Every structure is written in C-alpha cells, then in structure tokens.
Amino acid sequence: MTFDQEPIEWNDEITLLIDQLDEKSAGDGLTREERALMDVVETVQLLESEGDGLHDFWQSGVDHQRVINSFDLVGSSAMVDVLNASQWCQTRDADRDQYTDTEGEYLASIEEDLYPALSELPEQVGEFVDDELTA
C-alpha cells in the first residue's frame, strides 16, 4: 500500500526533539513519554514507506503492544483503532499476496481509515509534546 497523499511532516520543534531523542536513546534511555514519541514517529515512517502498510507493521519486529500504547498515550485513538482492527495480520504469512480475497478486502477497508488517522498526528503529537515533554 502506498499513499497518494502527502507524507506526514513534523514541525521544526518536533523534528529537533526527535533528533535529540534519537541520540539520547543510544545512551541513557528514554522516559515513557519520550519512547511514545519515538514509537509514533518510527511507525509513521514504516507505514509511509514503499511497502505493504499495515501488513508490514505487523510483520516487523517492533513491540506492537507498546506501539499501540504509544499512540494511545499521544492521544491518537484513531490510530489505536486502526492498529487493533488490523492486529490479525501478525498471524498471517509474511507475503501479503497470500491473503485470501476476503482478508485482502478487509485489510484494504481498514487501510482506508489509516491515512486520515495519520494526518491527525502532527497536531496530536504537537499537543502531546507541549503537555508532556516541554517544561
């Protein structure tokens, strides 16, 4: 699945914070709030890559439940809903082409809600950063 819409862009403050947290994660570790921000950003990158969207997310080695909790923590209930609805993909073959027609259609219907949920993230993440990560 590839996006016809513009990729998600973070404002300068968030981009700078992400760079700082990326460096910090290699050393001291991150707080739960910082980890949530990084999970959200990394998942957006995965979902927007040239691949199979939600299928790729569920086939990746990330801690899926932590990522879902991270989206919840930043206030994106729409992303939580999309991820929970597609959770069955983690039990499927690594090749999306092996889905039955019904599974493929169901996943496509879930993915129709994905981009609107992603497009809300810059504002939600901005509010989360203001509330939880800035003094």
C-alpha atoms as a PDB file:
ATOM      1  CA  MET A   1       0.000   0.000   0.000  1.00  0.00           C
ATOM      2  CA  THR A   2       1.404   3.361  -0.922  1.00  0.00           C
ATOM      3  CA  PHE A   3      -0.028   6.742  -0.141  1.00  0.00           C
ATOM      4  CA  ASP A   4      -1.431   9.107  -2.718  1.00  0.00           C
ATOM      5  CA  GLN A   5      -1.434  11.851  -0.094  1.00  0.00           C
ATOM      6  CA  GLU A   6       1.474  13.944   1.060  1.00  0.00           C
ATOM      7  CA  PRO A   7       3.730  12.344   3.670  1.00  0.00           C
ATOM      8  CA  ILE A   8       3.337  13.411   7.274  1.00  0.00           C
ATOM      9  CA  GLU A   9       5.588  16.339   8.142  1.00  0.00           C
ATOM     10  CA  TRP A  10       6.507  17.277  11.679  1.00  0.00           C
ATOM     11  CA  ASN A  11       7.051  20.898  12.670  1.00  0.00           C
ATOM     12  CA  ASP A  12      10.591  22.129  13.381  1.00  0.00           C
ATOM     13  CA  GLU A  13      10.226  21.809  17.161  1.00  0.00           C
ATOM     14  CA  ILE A  14       9.192  18.170  16.911  1.00  0.00           C
ATOM     15  CA  THR A  15      11.858  17.376  14.305  1.00  0.00           C
ATOM     16  CA  LEU A  16      14.543  18.827  16.574  1.00  0.00           C
ATOM     17  CA  LEU A  17      13.175  16.934  19.564  1.00  0.00           C
ATOM     18  CA  ILE A  18      13.126  13.680  17.570  1.00  0.00           C
ATOM     19  CA  ASP A  19      16.786  14.183  16.628  1.00  0.00           C
ATOM     20  CA  GLN A  20      17.687  14.818  20.276  1.00  0.00           C
ATOM     21  CA  LEU A  21      15.762  11.760  21.451  1.00  0.00           C
ATOM     22  CA  ASP A  22      17.325   9.606  18.762  1.00  0.00           C
ATOM     23  CA  GLU A  23      20.769  10.493  20.133  1.00  0.00           C
ATOM     24  CA  LYS A  24      19.601  10.058  23.726  1.00  0.00           C
ATOM     25  CA  SER A  25      18.110   6.611  23.071  1.00  0.00           C
ATOM     26  CA  ALA A  26      21.561   5.241  22.266  1.00  0.00           C
ATOM     27  CA  GLY A  27      22.822   6.244  25.703  1.00  0.00           C
ATOM     28  CA  ASP A  28      20.734   6.934  28.784  1.00  0.00           C
ATOM     29  CA  GLY A  29      17.436   5.529  27.555  1.00  0.00           C
ATOM     30  CA  LEU A  30      14.139   7.320  27.187  1.00  0.00           C
ATOM     31  CA  THR A  31      11.262   8.129  29.511  1.00  0.00           C
ATOM     32  CA  ARG A  32       7.926   6.501  28.644  1.00  0.00           C
ATOM     33  CA  GLU A  33       6.695   9.762  27.094  1.00  0.00           C
ATOM     34  CA  GLU A  34       9.854  10.128  25.009  1.00  0.00           C
ATOM     35  CA  ARG A  35       9.627   6.474  23.924  1.00  0.00           C
ATOM     36  CA  ALA A  36       5.992   7.051  22.907  1.00  0.00           C
ATOM     37  CA  LEU A  37       7.010   9.940  20.657  1.00  0.00           C
ATOM     38  CA  MET A  38       9.749   7.857  19.049  1.00  0.00           C
ATOM     39  CA  ASP A  39       7.390   4.891  18.572  1.00  0.00           C
ATOM     40  CA  VAL A  40       4.860   7.116  16.810  1.00  0.00           C
ATOM     41  CA  VAL A  41       7.451   8.715  14.520  1.00  0.00           C
ATOM     42  CA  GLU A  42       9.115   5.394  13.665  1.00  0.00           C
ATOM     43  CA  THR A  43       5.755   3.741  12.964  1.00  0.00           C
ATOM     44  CA  VAL A  44       4.685   6.597  10.685  1.00  0.00           C
ATOM     45  CA  GLN A  45       7.936   6.138   8.746  1.00  0.00           C
ATOM     46  CA  LEU A  46       7.257   2.408   8.425  1.00  0.00           C
ATOM     47  CA  LEU A  47       3.657   2.919   7.328  1.00  0.00           C
ATOM     48  CA  GLU A  48       4.602   5.562   4.760  1.00  0.00           C
ATOM     49  CA  SER A  49       7.455   3.551   3.255  1.00  0.00           C
ATOM     50  CA  GLU A  50       7.129   1.864  -0.104  1.00  0.00           C
ATOM     51  CA  GLY A  51       5.652  -1.327   1.195  1.00  0.00           C
ATOM     52  CA  ASP A  52       2.521  -3.014   2.380  1.00  0.00           C
ATOM     53  CA  GLY A  53       1.388  -0.584   5.071  1.00  0.00           C
ATOM     54  CA  LEU A  54      -0.286  -2.302   7.992  1.00  0.00           C
ATOM     55  CA  HIS A  55       0.862  -5.723   6.848  1.00  0.00           C
ATOM     56  CA  ASP A  56       4.488  -4.548   7.062  1.00  0.00           C
ATOM     57  CA  PHE A  57       3.861  -3.097  10.516  1.00  0.00           C
ATOM     58  CA  TRP A  58       2.539  -6.423  11.822  1.00  0.00           C
ATOM     59  CA  GLN A  59       5.356  -8.378  10.189  1.00  0.00           C
ATOM     60  CA  SER A  60       8.018  -6.065  11.662  1.00  0.00           C
ATOM     61  CA  GLY A  61       9.908  -6.888  14.818  1.00  0.00           C
ATOM     62  CA  VAL A  62       8.630  -3.905  16.812  1.00  0.00           C
ATOM     63  CA  ASP A  63       6.870  -4.307  20.133  1.00  0.00           C
ATOM     64  CA  HIS A  64       3.369  -3.977  18.703  1.00  0.00           C
ATOM     65  CA  GLN A  65       1.554  -3.554  22.001  1.00  0.00           C
ATOM     66  CA  ARG A  66       3.985  -0.860  23.144  1.00  0.00           C
ATOM     67  CA  VAL A  67       3.434   0.992  19.859  1.00  0.00           C
ATOM     68  CA  ILE A  68      -0.353   0.789  20.245  1.00  0.00           C
ATOM     69  CA  ASN A  69       0.017   2.084  23.802  1.00  0.00           C
ATOM     70  CA  SER A  70       2.241   4.884  22.490  1.00  0.00           C
ATOM     71  CA  PHE A  71      -0.405   6.033  20.023  1.00  0.00           C
ATOM     72  CA  ASP A  72      -2.905   5.951  22.878  1.00  0.00           C
ATOM     73  CA  LEU A  73      -0.562   7.984  25.086  1.00  0.00           C
ATOM     74  CA  VAL A  74      -0.157  10.719  22.468  1.00  0.00           C
ATOM     75  CA  GLY A  75      -3.938  10.890  22.061  1.00  0.00           C
ATOM     76  CA  SER A  76      -4.473   9.154  18.727  1.00  0.00           C
ATOM     77  CA  SER A  77      -7.459   6.917  19.330  1.00  0.00           C
ATOM     78  CA  ALA A  78      -7.987   6.662  15.548  1.00  0.00           C
ATOM     79  CA  MET A  79      -4.553   5.038  15.119  1.00  0.00           C
ATOM     80  CA  VAL A  80      -5.228   2.739  18.071  1.00  0.00           C
ATOM     81  CA  ASP A  81      -8.454   1.657  16.374  1.00  0.00           C
ATOM     82  CA  VAL A  82      -6.733   1.049  13.014  1.00  0.00           C
ATOM     83  CA  LEU A  83      -3.915  -0.950  14.607  1.00  0.00           C
ATOM     84  CA  ASN A  84      -6.253  -3.004  16.758  1.00  0.00           C
ATOM     85  CA  ALA A  85      -8.532  -3.728  13.789  1.00  0.00           C
ATOM     86  CA  SER A  86      -5.589  -4.987  11.735  1.00  0.00           C
ATOM     87  CA  GLN A  87      -3.925  -6.974  14.518  1.00  0.00           C
ATOM     88  CA  TRP A  88      -4.909 -10.278  12.885  1.00  0.00           C
ATOM     89  CA  CYS A  89      -2.248  -9.572  10.221  1.00  0.00           C
ATOM     90  CA  GLN A  90       0.512 -10.628  12.602  1.00  0.00           C
ATOM     91  CA  THR A  91      -0.699 -14.231  12.394  1.00  0.00           C
ATOM     92  CA  ARG A  92      -0.630 -14.296   8.587  1.00  0.00           C
ATOM     93  CA  ASP A  93       2.017 -15.365   6.111  1.00  0.00           C
ATOM     94  CA  ALA A  94       4.851 -12.888   5.602  1.00  0.00           C
ATOM     95  CA  ASP A  95       3.691 -12.392   1.986  1.00  0.00           C
ATOM     96  CA  ARG A  96       0.611 -10.186   1.715  1.00  0.00           C
ATOM     97  CA  ASP A  97      -0.146 -11.805  -1.639  1.00  0.00           C
ATOM     98  CA  GLN A  98      -1.046 -14.974   0.278  1.00  0.00           C
ATOM     99  CA  TYR A  99      -4.112 -13.354   1.861  1.00  0.00           C
ATOM    100  CA  THR A 100      -7.490 -14.665   0.784  1.00  0.00           C
ATOM    101  CA  ASP A 101      -9.651 -12.258  -1.217  1.00  0.00           C
ATOM    102  CA  THR A 102     -11.759 -11.645   1.888  1.00  0.00           C
ATOM    103  CA  GLU A 103      -8.689 -10.904   4.047  1.00  0.00           C
ATOM    104  CA  GLY A 104      -7.261  -8.579   1.407  1.00  0.00           C
ATOM    105  CA  GLU A 105     -10.522  -6.687   1.079  1.00  0.00           C
ATOM    106  CA  TYR A 106     -10.898  -6.424   4.846  1.00  0.00           C
ATOM    107  CA  LEU A 107      -7.363  -5.079   5.249  1.00  0.00           C
ATOM    108  CA  ALA A 108      -7.944  -2.601   2.423  1.00  0.00           C
ATOM    109  CA  SER A 109     -11.067  -1.352   4.193  1.00  0.00           C
ATOM    110  CA  ILE A 110      -9.074  -0.855   7.409  1.00  0.00           C
ATOM    111  CA  GLU A 111      -6.341   0.951   5.484  1.00  0.00           C
ATOM    112  CA  GLU A 112      -8.933   3.425   4.184  1.00  0.00           C
ATOM    113  CA  ASP A 113      -9.024   4.770   7.752  1.00  0.00           C
ATOM    114  CA  LEU A 114      -5.236   4.784   8.084  1.00  0.00           C
ATOM    115  CA  TYR A 115      -4.352   7.993   6.241  1.00  0.00           C
ATOM    116  CA  PRO A 116      -6.999  10.143   7.930  1.00  0.00           C
ATOM    117  CA  ALA A 117      -5.697   8.845  11.267  1.00  0.00           C
ATOM    118  CA  LEU A 118      -2.095   9.582  10.260  1.00  0.00           C
ATOM    119  CA  SER A 119      -2.977  13.069   9.045  1.00  0.00           C
ATOM    120  CA  GLU A 120      -4.243  13.972  12.532  1.00  0.00           C
ATOM    121  CA  LEU A 121      -0.933  13.039  14.138  1.00  0.00           C
ATOM    122  CA  PRO A 122       1.093  16.249  13.678  1.00  0.00           C
ATOM    123  CA  GLU A 123      -1.452  18.225  15.705  1.00  0.00           C
ATOM    124  CA  GLN A 124      -1.897  15.469  18.309  1.00  0.00           C
ATOM    125  CA  VAL A 125       1.843  14.981  18.688  1.00  0.00           C
ATOM    126  CA  GLY A 126       2.354  18.747  18.939  1.00  0.00           C
ATOM    127  CA  GLU A 127      -0.128  18.937  21.826  1.00  0.00           C
ATOM    128  CA  PHE A 128       1.452  15.894  23.473  1.00  0.00           C
ATOM    129  CA  VAL A 129       4.924  17.438  23.241  1.00  0.00           C
ATOM    130  CA  ASP A 130       3.656  20.735  24.655  1.00  0.00           C
ATOM    131  CA  ASP A 131       1.858  18.970  27.539  1.00  0.00           C
ATOM    132  CA  GLU A 132       4.300  16.189  28.374  1.00  0.00           C
ATOM    133  CA  LEU A 133       7.784  16.880  27.024  1.00  0.00           C
ATOM    134  CA  THR A 134       8.404  20.607  27.384  1.00  0.00           C
ATOM    135  CA  ALA A 135       8.940  22.361  30.659  1.00  0.00           C
END
